[in-house]
Amino acid sequence: MAFEYEKVKDILVCPKCKGELIHDGDSLICVNAETRWSYPIVDDIPRLLVDEAKQLPLEDWREVMQRHGRDADSGQPG
């Protein structure tokens, strides 16, 4: 069964800062511009463990936000 982001997006939050998460490829990305956490999705299962998260470089995070129609500085919906 494939990961169905649209069914769970309203209850997903970053375990580190409680920010909203957006689905981008094989990751869930926190929209918090200060933390920029990226959580992997492995075998269609989100791994929402802080120990497995990576902090995205600011430029990479901005590109993700723009791809999803969000403000590249704040991560808020554009």
N, C-alpha and C. Protein backbone atom coordinates (compact mmCIF):
# COMPACT_ATOMS: atom_id res chain seq x y z
N MET A 1 0.85 -1.18 0.00
CA MET A 1 0.00 0.00 0.00
C MET A 1 0.90 1.25 0.00
N ALA A 2 0.66 2.14 -0.88
CA ALA A 2 1.43 3.37 -1.01
C ALA A 2 1.06 4.37 0.09
N PHE A 3 2.02 5.18 0.46
CA PHE A 3 1.79 6.24 1.43
C PHE A 3 0.79 7.23 0.85
N GLU A 4 -0.30 7.51 1.56
CA GLU A 4 -1.36 8.39 1.08
C GLU A 4 -1.36 9.69 1.90
N TYR A 5 -0.50 10.59 1.49
CA TYR A 5 -0.31 11.85 2.18
C TYR A 5 -1.63 12.62 2.34
N GLU A 6 -2.40 12.68 1.29
CA GLU A 6 -3.64 13.49 1.34
C GLU A 6 -4.59 13.02 2.44
N LYS A 7 -4.56 11.75 2.77
CA LYS A 7 -5.45 11.22 3.81
C LYS A 7 -4.98 11.57 5.22
N VAL A 8 -3.69 11.84 5.38
CA VAL A 8 -3.16 12.05 6.73
C VAL A 8 -2.52 13.43 6.95
N LYS A 9 -2.51 14.26 5.92
CA LYS A 9 -1.78 15.53 6.03
C LYS A 9 -2.28 16.43 7.16
N ASP A 10 -3.55 16.32 7.52
CA ASP A 10 -4.09 17.19 8.58
C ASP A 10 -3.63 16.79 9.98
N ILE A 11 -3.11 15.58 10.12
CA ILE A 11 -2.68 15.13 11.45
C ILE A 11 -1.16 14.99 11.55
N LEU A 12 -0.45 15.13 10.42
CA LEU A 12 1.00 15.03 10.45
C LEU A 12 1.63 16.32 10.96
N VAL A 13 2.55 16.18 11.89
CA VAL A 13 3.33 17.32 12.37
C VAL A 13 4.77 16.89 12.58
N CYS A 14 5.65 17.84 12.52
CA CYS A 14 7.05 17.59 12.79
C CYS A 14 7.20 17.21 14.27
N PRO A 15 7.80 16.06 14.56
CA PRO A 15 7.94 15.68 15.96
C PRO A 15 8.89 16.59 16.75
N LYS A 16 9.73 17.32 16.07
CA LYS A 16 10.70 18.21 16.73
C LYS A 16 10.09 19.56 17.10
N CYS A 17 9.40 20.21 16.13
CA CYS A 17 8.90 21.57 16.39
C CYS A 17 7.38 21.69 16.29
N LYS A 18 6.72 20.61 15.90
CA LYS A 18 5.25 20.55 15.75
C LYS A 18 4.75 21.36 14.55
N GLY A 19 5.65 21.69 13.62
CA GLY A 19 5.28 22.40 12.40
C GLY A 19 4.60 21.48 11.40
N GLU A 20 3.95 22.06 10.44
CA GLU A 20 3.28 21.32 9.37
C GLU A 20 4.32 20.60 8.51
N LEU A 21 3.96 19.45 7.99
CA LEU A 21 4.83 18.69 7.09
C LEU A 21 4.21 18.63 5.71
N ILE A 22 5.04 18.78 4.68
CA ILE A 22 4.55 18.62 3.31
C ILE A 22 5.30 17.47 2.66
N HIS A 23 4.63 16.81 1.75
CA HIS A 23 5.18 15.65 1.06
C HIS A 23 5.94 16.11 -0.17
N ASP A 24 7.20 15.71 -0.25
CA ASP A 24 8.03 16.07 -1.40
C ASP A 24 8.88 14.85 -1.76
N GLY A 25 8.50 14.16 -2.82
CA GLY A 25 9.22 12.97 -3.26
C GLY A 25 9.18 11.88 -2.21
N ASP A 26 10.34 11.46 -1.75
CA ASP A 26 10.41 10.39 -0.75
C ASP A 26 10.70 10.95 0.65
N SER A 27 10.19 12.16 0.91
CA SER A 27 10.41 12.81 2.21
C SER A 27 9.19 13.61 2.64
N LEU A 28 9.13 13.86 3.93
CA LEU A 28 8.19 14.83 4.49
C LEU A 28 9.06 15.97 5.00
N ILE A 29 8.72 17.19 4.59
CA ILE A 29 9.53 18.36 4.91
C ILE A 29 8.76 19.29 5.83
N CYS A 30 9.41 19.71 6.91
CA CYS A 30 8.81 20.65 7.84
C CYS A 30 8.83 22.05 7.21
N VAL A 31 7.73 22.77 7.36
CA VAL A 31 7.63 24.10 6.76
C VAL A 31 8.25 25.19 7.65
N ASN A 32 8.78 24.82 8.79
CA ASN A 32 9.41 25.78 9.69
C ASN A 32 10.77 26.19 9.11
N ALA A 33 10.90 27.46 8.75
CA ALA A 33 12.12 27.97 8.11
C ALA A 33 13.34 27.90 9.02
N GLU A 34 13.14 27.90 10.32
CA GLU A 34 14.27 27.86 11.24
C GLU A 34 14.85 26.45 11.38
N THR A 35 14.00 25.43 11.31
CA THR A 35 14.49 24.07 11.52
C THR A 35 14.71 23.30 10.21
N ARG A 36 13.78 23.39 9.25
CA ARG A 36 13.91 22.79 7.91
C ARG A 36 14.15 21.29 7.95
N TRP A 37 13.51 20.57 8.86
CA TRP A 37 13.72 19.12 8.97
C TRP A 37 13.12 18.37 7.80
N SER A 38 13.83 17.33 7.38
CA SER A 38 13.39 16.44 6.32
C SER A 38 13.36 15.03 6.89
N TYR A 39 12.18 14.39 6.83
CA TYR A 39 12.00 13.03 7.34
C TYR A 39 11.83 12.08 6.16
N PRO A 40 12.55 10.97 6.16
CA PRO A 40 12.46 10.04 5.03
C PRO A 40 11.17 9.23 5.05
N ILE A 41 10.75 8.83 3.86
CA ILE A 41 9.66 7.86 3.72
C ILE A 41 10.33 6.61 3.16
N VAL A 42 10.30 5.53 3.93
CA VAL A 42 10.96 4.29 3.55
C VAL A 42 9.92 3.19 3.42
N ASP A 43 9.88 2.55 2.26
CA ASP A 43 8.90 1.49 2.00
C ASP A 43 7.48 1.98 2.28
N ASP A 44 7.18 3.21 1.84
CA ASP A 44 5.87 3.85 2.00
C ASP A 44 5.48 4.12 3.45
N ILE A 45 6.46 4.15 4.34
CA ILE A 45 6.20 4.43 5.75
C ILE A 45 7.03 5.65 6.16
N PRO A 46 6.36 6.74 6.59
CA PRO A 46 7.11 7.91 7.06
C PRO A 46 7.89 7.56 8.33
N ARG A 47 9.15 7.92 8.36
CA ARG A 47 10.00 7.67 9.53
C ARG A 47 10.13 8.99 10.27
N LEU A 48 9.17 9.25 11.14
CA LEU A 48 9.12 10.52 11.86
C LEU A 48 9.91 10.45 13.16
N LEU A 49 11.18 10.12 13.01
CA LEU A 49 12.09 10.03 14.14
C LEU A 49 13.13 11.14 14.01
N VAL A 50 13.27 11.93 15.04
CA VAL A 50 14.20 13.05 15.00
C VAL A 50 15.61 12.55 14.69
N ASP A 51 15.96 11.39 15.21
CA ASP A 51 17.30 10.83 14.97
C ASP A 51 17.55 10.50 13.50
N GLU A 52 16.49 10.30 12.72
CA GLU A 52 16.64 9.98 11.31
C GLU A 52 16.41 11.18 10.40
N ALA A 53 16.03 12.29 10.98
CA ALA A 53 15.77 13.50 10.19
C ALA A 53 17.08 14.18 9.81
N LYS A 54 17.01 14.91 8.70
CA LYS A 54 18.15 15.72 8.26
C LYS A 54 17.67 17.16 8.14
N GLN A 55 18.52 18.08 8.46
CA GLN A 55 18.19 19.49 8.27
C GLN A 55 18.60 19.88 6.87
N LEU A 56 17.63 20.37 6.09
CA LEU A 56 17.92 20.78 4.73
C LEU A 56 18.69 22.10 4.71
N PRO A 57 19.64 22.23 3.80
CA PRO A 57 20.26 23.55 3.61
C PRO A 57 19.16 24.55 3.20
N LEU A 58 19.34 25.79 3.59
CA LEU A 58 18.31 26.81 3.36
C LEU A 58 17.89 26.89 1.89
N GLU A 59 18.83 26.87 0.97
CA GLU A 59 18.47 26.97 -0.46
C GLU A 59 17.64 25.77 -0.92
N ASP A 60 17.98 24.57 -0.46
CA ASP A 60 17.19 23.38 -0.83
C ASP A 60 15.79 23.49 -0.26
N TRP A 61 15.69 23.94 0.99
CA TRP A 61 14.38 24.09 1.62
C TRP A 61 13.53 25.11 0.85
N ARG A 62 14.14 26.22 0.46
CA ARG A 62 13.41 27.24 -0.30
C ARG A 62 12.88 26.69 -1.62
N GLU A 63 13.68 25.87 -2.29
CA GLU A 63 13.23 25.25 -3.55
C GLU A 63 12.02 24.35 -3.31
N VAL A 64 12.04 23.59 -2.24
CA VAL A 64 10.90 22.73 -1.91
C VAL A 64 9.66 23.59 -1.66
N MET A 65 9.81 24.64 -0.88
CA MET A 65 8.67 25.51 -0.57
C MET A 65 8.09 26.11 -1.86
N GLN A 66 8.94 26.58 -2.74
CA GLN A 66 8.47 27.17 -4.00
C GLN A 66 7.75 26.12 -4.85
N ARG A 67 8.27 24.91 -4.89
CA ARG A 67 7.63 23.83 -5.66
C ARG A 67 6.21 23.56 -5.19
N HIS A 68 5.99 23.80 -3.89
CA HIS A 68 4.68 23.52 -3.31
C HIS A 68 3.83 24.78 -3.13
N GLY A 69 4.21 25.85 -3.82
CA GLY A 69 3.42 27.08 -3.80
C GLY A 69 3.47 27.81 -2.48
N ARG A 70 4.56 27.68 -1.75
CA ARG A 70 4.69 28.32 -0.46
C ARG A 70 5.72 29.44 -0.53
N ASP A 71 5.64 30.35 0.41
CA ASP A 71 6.59 31.44 0.49
C ASP A 71 7.98 30.88 0.80
N ALA A 72 8.97 31.27 -0.01
CA ALA A 72 10.32 30.73 0.12
C ALA A 72 11.07 31.24 1.33
N ASP A 73 10.52 32.21 2.04
CA ASP A 73 11.19 32.70 3.25
C ASP A 73 10.51 32.19 4.53
N SER A 74 9.19 32.07 4.49
CA SER A 74 8.47 31.70 5.71
C SER A 74 7.89 30.29 5.68
N GLY A 75 7.73 29.68 4.50
CA GLY A 75 7.12 28.37 4.39
C GLY A 75 5.60 28.40 4.46
N GLN A 76 5.04 29.59 4.60
CA GLN A 76 3.58 29.72 4.68
C GLN A 76 2.96 29.60 3.29
N PRO A 77 1.70 29.17 3.23
CA PRO A 77 1.03 29.07 1.92
C PRO A 77 1.09 30.41 1.17
N GLY A 78 1.38 30.33 -0.11
CA GLY A 78 1.52 31.55 -0.91
C GLY A 78 0.26 31.94 -1.49
